[in-house]
Amino acid sequence: MPRHPIPYLVVLLVPLLAACASNAPSERTGPSTIEPQEFIVFLSDLEQRRERGELRPLNRNEARRFEKLSADIREMLAGIEDIGDLRYDDRLEVFNKTEELRAIVSGNDDDQVVCKRERKVGTRFRITQCRTMAEIRWEREVTEQGLRDVFPRGGPPAGSGGP
């Protein structure tokens, strides 16, 4: 299963949202790191394009989520001159919210990358694990199927222990 490295504020969103919001091909072809103020300008432009109906129509839930994510990202980046000034966990949260915003605008969350800090088993160290939503769903399905195979009737066999 491939893992995705977490960047500072690598905004896969910029070229991808530009492509979603416009029929014209994007001139940017890869991820880029942008400064917080540039990103806030981008968010403003995105919100204006949504208001003008230039993005795909969003249902009520998507529209609420879009507005909440946009406001959260703005709040997190307010007064920040350099993305390196944010704590690592905050940068991770901005990245995750940006990815969710991209998924809402595109209407497809399969490629949405979600990153989590987890403790590595047997150590005190925390590592960042990044997976797409499609990978997360696949892992969940495999785990659930494995449990169904082991416990086919919805629970452990009688007399297998427990209270």
N, C-alpha and C. Protein backbone atom coordinates (compact mmCIF):
# COMPACT_ATOMS: atom_id res chain seq x y z
N MET A 1 0.84 -1.17 0.00
CA MET A 1 0.00 0.00 0.00
C MET A 1 0.89 1.24 0.00
N PRO A 2 0.77 2.13 -0.97
CA PRO A 2 1.65 3.29 -1.04
C PRO A 2 1.35 4.28 0.08
N ARG A 3 2.35 4.95 0.54
CA ARG A 3 2.21 6.00 1.56
C ARG A 3 2.59 7.32 0.91
N HIS A 4 1.99 8.38 1.40
CA HIS A 4 2.23 9.70 0.84
C HIS A 4 2.96 10.55 1.86
N PRO A 5 4.10 11.15 1.51
CA PRO A 5 4.82 11.99 2.46
C PRO A 5 4.04 13.28 2.71
N ILE A 6 4.10 13.78 3.94
CA ILE A 6 3.41 15.03 4.27
C ILE A 6 4.37 16.19 4.07
N PRO A 7 3.99 17.15 3.29
CA PRO A 7 4.82 18.33 3.07
C PRO A 7 4.51 19.39 4.12
N TYR A 8 5.26 20.51 4.06
CA TYR A 8 4.92 21.63 4.92
C TYR A 8 3.49 22.02 4.64
N LEU A 9 3.27 22.80 3.64
CA LEU A 9 1.91 23.09 3.18
C LEU A 9 1.97 22.89 1.69
N VAL A 10 2.09 21.63 1.32
CA VAL A 10 2.11 21.34 -0.10
C VAL A 10 0.66 21.34 -0.51
N VAL A 11 0.35 22.22 -1.38
CA VAL A 11 -1.03 22.40 -1.74
C VAL A 11 -1.26 21.77 -3.10
N LEU A 12 -1.62 20.52 -3.06
CA LEU A 12 -2.03 19.83 -4.27
C LEU A 12 -3.28 20.51 -4.80
N LEU A 13 -3.94 21.20 -3.91
CA LEU A 13 -5.20 21.84 -4.19
C LEU A 13 -5.10 22.90 -5.29
N VAL A 14 -4.04 23.66 -5.32
CA VAL A 14 -3.97 24.79 -6.25
C VAL A 14 -4.15 24.34 -7.69
N PRO A 15 -3.32 23.44 -8.22
CA PRO A 15 -3.54 23.05 -9.61
C PRO A 15 -4.81 22.22 -9.79
N LEU A 16 -5.16 21.43 -8.79
CA LEU A 16 -6.33 20.58 -8.94
C LEU A 16 -7.62 21.37 -8.88
N LEU A 17 -7.73 22.32 -7.95
CA LEU A 17 -8.94 23.13 -7.88
C LEU A 17 -9.06 24.04 -9.09
N ALA A 18 -7.94 24.53 -9.56
CA ALA A 18 -7.97 25.37 -10.75
C ALA A 18 -8.53 24.56 -11.92
N ALA A 19 -8.13 23.32 -12.01
CA ALA A 19 -8.64 22.46 -13.08
C ALA A 19 -10.12 22.16 -12.88
N CYS A 20 -10.54 21.99 -11.63
CA CYS A 20 -11.96 21.71 -11.36
C CYS A 20 -12.82 22.94 -11.62
N ALA A 21 -12.28 24.10 -11.30
CA ALA A 21 -13.06 25.32 -11.37
C ALA A 21 -13.10 25.92 -12.77
N SER A 22 -12.31 25.44 -13.66
CA SER A 22 -12.22 26.01 -14.99
C SER A 22 -12.08 24.90 -16.01
N ASN A 23 -12.56 25.16 -17.20
CA ASN A 23 -12.38 24.19 -18.26
C ASN A 23 -11.00 24.31 -18.89
N ALA A 24 -10.33 25.40 -18.63
CA ALA A 24 -9.00 25.61 -19.21
C ALA A 24 -7.99 24.74 -18.47
N PRO A 25 -7.02 24.17 -19.18
CA PRO A 25 -6.02 23.36 -18.52
C PRO A 25 -5.16 24.20 -17.59
N SER A 26 -4.74 23.60 -16.51
CA SER A 26 -3.90 24.29 -15.55
C SER A 26 -2.47 24.34 -16.07
N GLU A 27 -1.81 25.48 -15.85
CA GLU A 27 -0.42 25.60 -16.28
C GLU A 27 0.51 24.93 -15.27
N ARG A 28 0.07 24.79 -14.03
CA ARG A 28 0.89 24.16 -13.01
C ARG A 28 0.62 22.67 -13.07
N THR A 29 1.67 21.90 -13.04
CA THR A 29 1.50 20.47 -13.21
C THR A 29 1.83 19.65 -11.97
N GLY A 30 2.29 20.27 -10.92
CA GLY A 30 2.65 19.49 -9.75
C GLY A 30 2.35 20.25 -8.48
N PRO A 31 2.59 19.60 -7.34
CA PRO A 31 2.35 20.26 -6.06
C PRO A 31 3.30 21.43 -5.87
N SER A 32 2.87 22.36 -5.07
CA SER A 32 3.72 23.52 -4.80
C SER A 32 3.51 23.96 -3.36
N THR A 33 4.53 24.57 -2.80
CA THR A 33 4.43 25.14 -1.48
C THR A 33 4.16 26.62 -1.65
N ILE A 34 3.10 27.08 -1.00
CA ILE A 34 2.79 28.50 -1.11
C ILE A 34 2.72 29.09 0.29
N GLU A 35 2.88 30.39 0.36
CA GLU A 35 2.82 31.08 1.64
C GLU A 35 1.37 31.24 2.08
N PRO A 36 1.14 31.35 3.37
CA PRO A 36 -0.23 31.46 3.89
C PRO A 36 -1.04 32.58 3.26
N GLN A 37 -0.44 33.75 3.07
CA GLN A 37 -1.21 34.86 2.52
C GLN A 37 -1.62 34.60 1.06
N GLU A 38 -0.75 33.93 0.30
CA GLU A 38 -1.10 33.55 -1.06
C GLU A 38 -2.29 32.58 -1.05
N PHE A 39 -2.28 31.68 -0.09
CA PHE A 39 -3.35 30.70 -0.01
C PHE A 39 -4.67 31.36 0.37
N ILE A 40 -4.63 32.34 1.26
CA ILE A 40 -5.85 33.06 1.64
C ILE A 40 -6.41 33.79 0.44
N VAL A 41 -5.56 34.38 -0.39
CA VAL A 41 -6.02 35.02 -1.63
C VAL A 41 -6.68 33.98 -2.54
N PHE A 42 -6.05 32.81 -2.63
CA PHE A 42 -6.62 31.73 -3.43
C PHE A 42 -8.00 31.32 -2.90
N LEU A 43 -8.13 31.19 -1.57
CA LEU A 43 -9.43 30.85 -0.99
C LEU A 43 -10.49 31.88 -1.34
N SER A 44 -10.12 33.16 -1.27
CA SER A 44 -11.06 34.23 -1.61
C SER A 44 -11.52 34.09 -3.05
N ASP A 45 -10.58 33.83 -3.94
CA ASP A 45 -10.91 33.65 -5.36
C ASP A 45 -11.83 32.44 -5.54
N LEU A 46 -11.53 31.37 -4.84
CA LEU A 46 -12.34 30.16 -4.93
C LEU A 46 -13.77 30.43 -4.45
N GLU A 47 -13.89 31.14 -3.33
CA GLU A 47 -15.21 31.47 -2.79
C GLU A 47 -15.99 32.35 -3.77
N GLN A 48 -15.32 33.31 -4.40
CA GLN A 48 -15.98 34.17 -5.38
C GLN A 48 -16.43 33.36 -6.59
N ARG A 49 -15.61 32.45 -7.04
CA ARG A 49 -15.98 31.60 -8.19
C ARG A 49 -17.19 30.74 -7.83
N ARG A 50 -17.23 30.28 -6.60
CA ARG A 50 -18.39 29.48 -6.16
C ARG A 50 -19.66 30.34 -6.17
N GLU A 51 -19.55 31.56 -5.65
CA GLU A 51 -20.70 32.47 -5.62
C GLU A 51 -21.20 32.80 -7.02
N ARG A 52 -20.28 32.88 -7.98
CA ARG A 52 -20.67 33.19 -9.37
C ARG A 52 -21.14 31.95 -10.12
N GLY A 53 -21.12 30.79 -9.47
CA GLY A 53 -21.58 29.56 -10.11
C GLY A 53 -20.59 28.94 -11.06
N GLU A 54 -19.31 29.25 -10.90
CA GLU A 54 -18.28 28.72 -11.79
C GLU A 54 -17.77 27.35 -11.36
N LEU A 55 -18.12 26.92 -10.15
CA LEU A 55 -17.73 25.59 -9.67
C LEU A 55 -18.93 24.66 -9.84
N ARG A 56 -18.69 23.38 -9.68
CA ARG A 56 -19.82 22.45 -9.76
C ARG A 56 -20.80 22.78 -8.64
N PRO A 57 -22.08 22.55 -8.86
CA PRO A 57 -23.06 22.83 -7.80
C PRO A 57 -22.81 21.94 -6.58
N LEU A 58 -22.90 22.54 -5.40
CA LEU A 58 -22.72 21.80 -4.16
C LEU A 58 -24.08 21.62 -3.48
N ASN A 59 -24.29 20.44 -2.90
CA ASN A 59 -25.52 20.27 -2.13
C ASN A 59 -25.39 21.04 -0.82
N ARG A 60 -26.46 21.08 -0.05
CA ARG A 60 -26.47 21.88 1.17
C ARG A 60 -25.37 21.46 2.14
N ASN A 61 -25.19 20.16 2.32
CA ASN A 61 -24.17 19.66 3.23
C ASN A 61 -22.77 20.02 2.73
N GLU A 62 -22.52 19.85 1.43
CA GLU A 62 -21.22 20.21 0.86
C GLU A 62 -20.96 21.70 1.00
N ALA A 63 -22.00 22.52 0.76
CA ALA A 63 -21.84 23.98 0.86
C ALA A 63 -21.48 24.38 2.29
N ARG A 64 -22.17 23.78 3.27
CA ARG A 64 -21.85 24.08 4.68
C ARG A 64 -20.42 23.65 5.01
N ARG A 65 -20.04 22.47 4.54
CA ARG A 65 -18.69 21.95 4.82
C ARG A 65 -17.63 22.84 4.15
N PHE A 66 -17.90 23.26 2.89
CA PHE A 66 -17.01 24.16 2.15
C PHE A 66 -16.77 25.43 2.96
N GLU A 67 -17.85 26.04 3.44
CA GLU A 67 -17.75 27.29 4.19
C GLU A 67 -16.99 27.09 5.50
N LYS A 68 -17.28 25.99 6.19
CA LYS A 68 -16.61 25.71 7.47
C LYS A 68 -15.11 25.48 7.27
N LEU A 69 -14.77 24.66 6.27
CA LEU A 69 -13.35 24.39 6.01
C LEU A 69 -12.61 25.66 5.63
N SER A 70 -13.22 26.45 4.76
CA SER A 70 -12.60 27.70 4.32
C SER A 70 -12.35 28.62 5.52
N ALA A 71 -13.36 28.75 6.40
CA ALA A 71 -13.22 29.60 7.58
C ALA A 71 -12.15 29.04 8.53
N ASP A 72 -12.14 27.73 8.71
CA ASP A 72 -11.13 27.11 9.59
C ASP A 72 -9.72 27.36 9.08
N ILE A 73 -9.52 27.19 7.78
CA ILE A 73 -8.19 27.38 7.19
C ILE A 73 -7.77 28.84 7.34
N ARG A 74 -8.70 29.75 7.06
CA ARG A 74 -8.39 31.19 7.22
C ARG A 74 -7.96 31.50 8.65
N GLU A 75 -8.71 30.97 9.61
CA GLU A 75 -8.41 31.22 11.01
C GLU A 75 -7.04 30.68 11.39
N MET A 76 -6.73 29.49 10.92
CA MET A 76 -5.45 28.87 11.25
C MET A 76 -4.27 29.63 10.65
N LEU A 77 -4.49 30.23 9.47
CA LEU A 77 -3.40 30.93 8.78
C LEU A 77 -3.35 32.43 9.09
N ALA A 78 -4.34 32.93 9.83
CA ALA A 78 -4.39 34.37 10.14
C ALA A 78 -3.13 34.79 10.90
N GLY A 79 -2.48 35.80 10.39
CA GLY A 79 -1.30 36.35 11.04
C GLY A 79 -0.03 35.52 10.86
N ILE A 80 -0.11 34.45 10.12
CA ILE A 80 1.06 33.60 9.89
C ILE A 80 1.75 34.07 8.61
N GLU A 81 3.01 34.44 8.73
CA GLU A 81 3.78 34.90 7.57
C GLU A 81 4.45 33.75 6.83
N ASP A 82 4.91 32.76 7.60
CA ASP A 82 5.63 31.63 7.02
C ASP A 82 5.02 30.35 7.57
N ILE A 83 4.75 29.40 6.70
CA ILE A 83 4.10 28.16 7.13
C ILE A 83 4.94 27.43 8.17
N GLY A 84 6.24 27.65 8.17
CA GLY A 84 7.11 27.04 9.15
C GLY A 84 6.87 27.56 10.56
N ASP A 85 6.14 28.67 10.68
CA ASP A 85 5.82 29.21 12.01
C ASP A 85 4.73 28.40 12.71
N LEU A 86 3.99 27.60 11.95
CA LEU A 86 2.95 26.76 12.54
C LEU A 86 3.57 25.50 13.13
N ARG A 87 2.98 25.02 14.23
CA ARG A 87 3.40 23.73 14.77
C ARG A 87 3.14 22.66 13.72
N TYR A 88 3.89 21.57 13.77
CA TYR A 88 3.74 20.50 12.78
C TYR A 88 2.30 19.98 12.73
N ASP A 89 1.69 19.74 13.90
CA ASP A 89 0.32 19.23 13.94
C ASP A 89 -0.66 20.21 13.28
N ASP A 90 -0.42 21.51 13.43
CA ASP A 90 -1.28 22.51 12.79
C ASP A 90 -1.09 22.50 11.27
N ARG A 91 0.16 22.34 10.82
CA ARG A 91 0.40 22.24 9.38
C ARG A 91 -0.32 21.02 8.82
N LEU A 92 -0.28 19.94 9.56
CA LEU A 92 -0.95 18.71 9.16
C LEU A 92 -2.47 18.94 9.07
N GLU A 93 -3.02 19.65 10.03
CA GLU A 93 -4.45 19.94 10.02
C GLU A 93 -4.83 20.83 8.84
N VAL A 94 -4.00 21.83 8.54
CA VAL A 94 -4.26 22.67 7.37
C VAL A 94 -4.23 21.83 6.10
N PHE A 95 -3.25 20.94 6.01
CA PHE A 95 -3.15 20.06 4.84
C PHE A 95 -4.42 19.21 4.70
N ASN A 96 -4.85 18.57 5.80
CA ASN A 96 -6.03 17.72 5.75
C ASN A 96 -7.29 18.50 5.38
N LYS A 97 -7.45 19.68 5.93
CA LYS A 97 -8.62 20.51 5.60
C LYS A 97 -8.57 20.94 4.13
N THR A 98 -7.38 21.23 3.64
CA THR A 98 -7.22 21.60 2.24
C THR A 98 -7.59 20.44 1.33
N GLU A 99 -7.15 19.26 1.69
CA GLU A 99 -7.50 18.07 0.91
C GLU A 99 -9.00 17.81 0.92
N GLU A 100 -9.64 18.00 2.06
CA GLU A 100 -11.10 17.81 2.13
C GLU A 100 -11.82 18.86 1.29
N LEU A 101 -11.33 20.09 1.31
CA LEU A 101 -11.90 21.15 0.49
C LEU A 101 -11.78 20.80 -0.99
N ARG A 102 -10.62 20.28 -1.38
CA ARG A 102 -10.41 19.88 -2.77
C ARG A 102 -11.39 18.78 -3.16
N ALA A 103 -11.60 17.83 -2.26
CA ALA A 103 -12.52 16.72 -2.55
C ALA A 103 -13.96 17.23 -2.71
N ILE A 104 -14.35 18.21 -1.91
CA ILE A 104 -15.70 18.77 -2.03
C ILE A 104 -15.86 19.46 -3.38
N VAL A 105 -14.90 20.26 -3.76
CA VAL A 105 -15.00 21.01 -5.01
C VAL A 105 -14.99 20.06 -6.21
N SER A 106 -14.17 19.03 -6.15
CA SER A 106 -14.08 18.10 -7.28
C SER A 106 -15.22 17.10 -7.30
N GLY A 107 -15.85 16.87 -6.14
CA GLY A 107 -16.93 15.91 -6.06
C GLY A 107 -16.44 14.47 -6.00
N ASN A 108 -15.16 14.29 -5.67
CA ASN A 108 -14.57 12.95 -5.62
C ASN A 108 -13.58 12.90 -4.47
N ASP A 109 -13.87 12.07 -3.48
CA ASP A 109 -12.95 12.01 -2.34
C ASP A 109 -12.01 10.82 -2.39
N ASP A 110 -12.07 9.99 -3.43
CA ASP A 110 -11.17 8.82 -3.52
C ASP A 110 -9.70 9.21 -3.44
N ASP A 111 -9.32 10.33 -4.04
CA ASP A 111 -7.93 10.75 -4.06
C ASP A 111 -7.57 11.68 -2.92
N GLN A 112 -8.54 11.98 -2.06
CA GLN A 112 -8.27 12.85 -0.92
C GLN A 112 -7.27 12.17 0.00
N VAL A 113 -6.18 12.85 0.29
CA VAL A 113 -5.15 12.31 1.18
C VAL A 113 -5.46 12.75 2.60
N VAL A 114 -5.45 11.80 3.52
CA VAL A 114 -5.68 12.08 4.93
C VAL A 114 -4.42 11.64 5.68
N CYS A 115 -3.87 12.56 6.44
CA CYS A 115 -2.65 12.26 7.20
C CYS A 115 -2.95 12.28 8.69
N LYS A 116 -2.39 11.31 9.40
CA LYS A 116 -2.57 11.22 10.85
C LYS A 116 -1.23 10.96 11.49
N ARG A 117 -1.05 11.53 12.68
CA ARG A 117 0.14 11.24 13.48
C ARG A 117 -0.23 10.10 14.41
N GLU A 118 0.55 9.04 14.37
CA GLU A 118 0.27 7.85 15.17
C GLU A 118 1.53 7.43 15.89
N ARG A 119 1.32 6.81 17.02
CA ARG A 119 2.47 6.27 17.75
C ARG A 119 2.90 4.98 17.08
N LYS A 120 4.19 4.88 16.84
CA LYS A 120 4.74 3.65 16.28
C LYS A 120 4.76 2.60 17.39
N VAL A 121 4.25 1.44 17.10
CA VAL A 121 4.15 0.38 18.11
C VAL A 121 5.52 0.08 18.69
N GLY A 122 5.58 0.04 20.02
CA GLY A 122 6.82 -0.31 20.70
C GLY A 122 7.74 0.87 20.96
N THR A 123 7.34 2.07 20.57
CA THR A 123 8.18 3.25 20.81
C THR A 123 7.33 4.41 21.29
N ARG A 124 8.01 5.47 21.69
CA ARG A 124 7.31 6.71 22.04
C ARG A 124 7.22 7.65 20.85
N PHE A 125 7.85 7.26 19.75
CA PHE A 125 7.89 8.11 18.57
C PHE A 125 6.56 8.14 17.85
N ARG A 126 6.23 9.29 17.33
CA ARG A 126 5.03 9.43 16.51
C ARG A 126 5.47 9.54 15.06
N ILE A 127 4.73 8.87 14.19
CA ILE A 127 5.01 8.96 12.77
C ILE A 127 3.77 9.48 12.07
N THR A 128 3.97 10.07 10.91
CA THR A 128 2.86 10.56 10.12
C THR A 128 2.54 9.54 9.05
N GLN A 129 1.30 9.09 9.04
CA GLN A 129 0.83 8.14 8.04
C GLN A 129 -0.17 8.87 7.15
N CYS A 130 0.05 8.82 5.85
CA CYS A 130 -0.85 9.45 4.90
C CYS A 130 -1.39 8.41 3.94
N ARG A 131 -2.71 8.42 3.78
CA ARG A 131 -3.37 7.49 2.87
C ARG A 131 -4.51 8.21 2.17
N THR A 132 -4.84 7.71 1.00
CA THR A 132 -6.01 8.27 0.31
C THR A 132 -7.27 7.68 0.94
N MET A 133 -8.40 8.34 0.71
CA MET A 133 -9.67 7.83 1.20
C MET A 133 -9.96 6.46 0.60
N ALA A 134 -9.58 6.26 -0.66
CA ALA A 134 -9.79 4.95 -1.29
C ALA A 134 -8.99 3.87 -0.55
N GLU A 135 -7.76 4.18 -0.16
CA GLU A 135 -6.95 3.22 0.59
C GLU A 135 -7.55 2.95 1.97
N ILE A 136 -8.05 3.99 2.63
CA ILE A 136 -8.66 3.83 3.95
C ILE A 136 -9.90 2.94 3.85
N ARG A 137 -10.73 3.19 2.84
CA ARG A 137 -11.93 2.36 2.66
C ARG A 137 -11.55 0.91 2.37
N TRP A 138 -10.53 0.72 1.52
CA TRP A 138 -10.09 -0.63 1.18
C TRP A 138 -9.60 -1.36 2.43
N GLU A 139 -8.76 -0.69 3.24
CA GLU A 139 -8.25 -1.31 4.47
C GLU A 139 -9.39 -1.68 5.41
N ARG A 140 -10.39 -0.80 5.52
CA ARG A 140 -11.54 -1.07 6.38
C ARG A 140 -12.31 -2.28 5.87
N GLU A 141 -12.54 -2.34 4.56
CA GLU A 141 -13.26 -3.47 3.97
C GLU A 141 -12.51 -4.79 4.18
N VAL A 142 -11.19 -4.78 3.99
CA VAL A 142 -10.38 -5.99 4.19
C VAL A 142 -10.45 -6.43 5.65
N THR A 143 -10.36 -5.48 6.57
CA THR A 143 -10.44 -5.80 8.00
C THR A 143 -11.81 -6.37 8.35
N GLU A 144 -12.86 -5.72 7.86
CA GLU A 144 -14.21 -6.21 8.15
C GLU A 144 -14.43 -7.59 7.56
N GLN A 145 -13.94 -7.83 6.35
CA GLN A 145 -14.09 -9.15 5.74
C GLN A 145 -13.32 -10.19 6.54
N GLY A 146 -12.14 -9.86 7.00
CA GLY A 146 -11.36 -10.77 7.82
C GLY A 146 -12.09 -11.13 9.10
N LEU A 147 -12.71 -10.13 9.72
CA LEU A 147 -13.48 -10.40 10.94
C LEU A 147 -14.70 -11.27 10.64
N ARG A 148 -15.36 -11.02 9.51
CA ARG A 148 -16.51 -11.86 9.13
C ARG A 148 -16.06 -13.29 8.87
N ASP A 149 -14.87 -13.46 8.30
CA ASP A 149 -14.36 -14.81 8.05
C ASP A 149 -14.05 -15.54 9.35
N VAL A 150 -13.50 -14.82 10.34
CA VAL A 150 -13.16 -15.43 11.61
C VAL A 150 -14.40 -15.66 12.47
N PHE A 151 -15.31 -14.69 12.46
CA PHE A 151 -16.53 -14.76 13.26
C PHE A 151 -17.73 -14.64 12.33
N PRO A 152 -18.05 -15.71 11.60
CA PRO A 152 -19.07 -15.64 10.56
C PRO A 152 -20.48 -15.31 11.04
N ARG A 153 -20.80 -15.51 12.28
CA ARG A 153 -22.17 -15.26 12.74
C ARG A 153 -22.29 -13.98 13.54
N GLY A 154 -21.38 -13.05 13.36
CA GLY A 154 -21.49 -11.74 13.99
C GLY A 154 -20.87 -11.65 15.38
N GLY A 155 -20.21 -12.68 15.85
CA GLY A 155 -19.59 -12.59 17.15
C GLY A 155 -18.68 -13.77 17.39
N PRO A 156 -17.96 -13.74 18.48
CA PRO A 156 -17.07 -14.86 18.80
C PRO A 156 -17.89 -16.11 19.11
N PRO A 157 -17.32 -17.28 18.88
CA PRO A 157 -18.02 -18.52 19.20
C PRO A 157 -18.34 -18.61 20.69
N ALA A 158 -19.42 -19.27 21.04
CA ALA A 158 -19.81 -19.45 22.44
C ALA A 158 -18.70 -20.19 23.18
N GLY A 159 -18.48 -19.78 24.41
CA GLY A 159 -17.47 -20.43 25.23
C GLY A 159 -16.05 -20.05 24.88
N SER A 160 -15.86 -18.95 24.13
CA SER A 160 -14.51 -18.57 23.72
C SER A 160 -13.87 -17.64 24.71
N GLY A 161 -14.47 -17.48 25.85
CA GLY A 161 -13.89 -16.59 26.86
C GLY A 161 -14.79 -15.42 27.08
N GLY A 162 -14.34 -14.52 27.86
CA GLY A 162 -15.12 -13.33 28.15
C GLY A 162 -15.98 -13.53 29.37
N PRO A 163 -16.75 -12.50 29.78
CA PRO A 163 -17.53 -12.57 31.02
C PRO A 163 -18.69 -13.53 30.93
